[in-house]
Amino acid sequence: MKSKYFGITALLVILMLNIIFTQKMVHQYYFENYTNSIILAGLNILLFPIAILIFKKDQKGVK
């Protein structure tokens, strides 16, 4: 798999995980499971810097 396809695929996977974590977080908050909501929010926040690192690495490969 070429590196540009790997970067795009990795970013799409992270986007899908963000959507899943957000949906589960809202669901848990609605049913008043606040601990699970905070854990899922933390996982959602942790994925953001990973996505930035993948994006910057992919941009360096383009040059």
C-alpha atoms as a PDB file:
ATOM      1  CA  MET A   1       0.000   0.000   0.000  1.00  0.00           C
ATOM      2  CA  LYS A   2       1.411   3.376  -0.961  1.00  0.00           C
ATOM      3  CA  SER A   3       2.132   5.825   1.823  1.00  0.00           C
ATOM      4  CA  LYS A   4      -0.447   8.360   0.645  1.00  0.00           C
ATOM      5  CA  TYR A   5      -3.161   5.690   0.715  1.00  0.00           C
ATOM      6  CA  PHE A   6      -2.045   4.622   4.180  1.00  0.00           C
ATOM      7  CA  GLY A   7      -2.365   8.184   5.494  1.00  0.00           C
ATOM      8  CA  ILE A   8      -5.809   8.653   4.011  1.00  0.00           C
ATOM      9  CA  THR A   9      -6.962   5.275   5.316  1.00  0.00           C
ATOM     10  CA  ALA A  10      -5.606   6.001   8.793  1.00  0.00           C
ATOM     11  CA  LEU A  11      -7.354   9.388   8.891  1.00  0.00           C
ATOM     12  CA  LEU A  12     -10.628   7.787   7.767  1.00  0.00           C
ATOM     13  CA  VAL A  13     -10.342   5.176  10.519  1.00  0.00           C
ATOM     14  CA  ILE A  14      -9.717   7.889  13.096  1.00  0.00           C
ATOM     15  CA  LEU A  15     -12.717   9.846  11.808  1.00  0.00           C
ATOM     16  CA  MET A  16     -14.883   6.735  12.097  1.00  0.00           C
ATOM     17  CA  LEU A  17     -13.651   6.137  15.658  1.00  0.00           C
ATOM     18  CA  ASN A  18     -14.406   9.770  16.555  1.00  0.00           C
ATOM     19  CA  ILE A  19     -17.969   9.374  15.295  1.00  0.00           C
ATOM     20  CA  ILE A  20     -18.434   6.087  17.175  1.00  0.00           C
ATOM     21  CA  PHE A  21     -16.982   7.448  20.424  1.00  0.00           C
ATOM     22  CA  THR A  22     -19.116  10.588  20.198  1.00  0.00           C
ATOM     23  CA  GLN A  23     -22.271   8.583  19.580  1.00  0.00           C
ATOM     24  CA  LYS A  24     -21.547   6.239  22.488  1.00  0.00           C
ATOM     25  CA  MET A  25     -20.629   9.177  24.732  1.00  0.00           C
ATOM     26  CA  VAL A  26     -23.968  10.900  24.072  1.00  0.00           C
ATOM     27  CA  HIS A  27     -25.777   7.616  24.646  1.00  0.00           C
ATOM     28  CA  GLN A  28     -24.022   7.031  27.961  1.00  0.00           C
ATOM     29  CA  TYR A  29     -24.635  10.610  29.065  1.00  0.00           C
ATOM     30  CA  TYR A  30     -28.336  10.251  28.273  1.00  0.00           C
ATOM     31  CA  PHE A  31     -28.549   7.182  30.527  1.00  0.00           C
ATOM     32  CA  GLU A  32     -26.558   8.989  33.247  1.00  0.00           C
ATOM     33  CA  ASN A  33     -23.428   6.842  33.047  1.00  0.00           C
ATOM     34  CA  TYR A  34     -21.151   9.813  33.574  1.00  0.00           C
ATOM     35  CA  THR A  35     -17.971   7.821  34.176  1.00  0.00           C
ATOM     36  CA  ASN A  36     -18.305   6.083  30.821  1.00  0.00           C
ATOM     37  CA  SER A  37     -19.080   9.437  29.201  1.00  0.00           C
ATOM     38  CA  ILE A  38     -15.869  10.943  30.536  1.00  0.00           C
ATOM     39  CA  ILE A  39     -13.815   7.919  29.416  1.00  0.00           C
ATOM     40  CA  LEU A  40     -15.234   8.099  25.887  1.00  0.00           C
ATOM     41  CA  ALA A  41     -14.671  11.859  25.764  1.00  0.00           C
ATOM     42  CA  GLY A  42     -11.056  11.288  26.788  1.00  0.00           C
ATOM     43  CA  LEU A  43     -10.601   8.709  24.043  1.00  0.00           C
ATOM     44  CA  ASN A  44     -12.123  11.146  21.583  1.00  0.00           C
ATOM     45  CA  ILE A  45      -9.692  13.863  22.658  1.00  0.00           C
ATOM     46  CA  LEU A  46      -6.720  11.472  22.430  1.00  0.00           C
ATOM     47  CA  LEU A  47      -7.495  10.660  18.815  1.00  0.00           C
ATOM     48  CA  PHE A  48      -7.144  14.294  17.735  1.00  0.00           C
ATOM     49  CA  PRO A  49      -3.343  14.626  18.226  1.00  0.00           C
ATOM     50  CA  ILE A  50      -2.853  11.241  16.570  1.00  0.00           C
ATOM     51  CA  ALA A  51      -4.750  12.489  13.528  1.00  0.00           C
ATOM     52  CA  ILE A  52      -2.632  15.641  13.409  1.00  0.00           C
ATOM     53  CA  LEU A  53       0.579  13.595  13.533  1.00  0.00           C
ATOM     54  CA  ILE A  54      -0.607  11.341  10.717  1.00  0.00           C
ATOM     55  CA  PHE A  55      -1.658  14.366   8.657  1.00  0.00           C
ATOM     56  CA  LYS A  56       1.695  16.133   9.110  1.00  0.00           C
ATOM     57  CA  LYS A  57       3.604  12.952   8.289  1.00  0.00           C
ATOM     58  CA  ASP A  58       1.509  12.519   5.161  1.00  0.00           C
ATOM     59  CA  GLN A  59       2.141  16.134   4.140  1.00  0.00           C
ATOM     60  CA  LYS A  60       5.915  15.682   4.507  1.00  0.00           C
ATOM     61  CA  GLY A  61       5.736  12.676   2.214  1.00  0.00           C
ATOM     62  CA  VAL A  62       3.992  14.702  -0.507  1.00  0.00           C
ATOM     63  CA  LYS A  63       6.821  17.236  -0.911  1.00  0.00           C
END
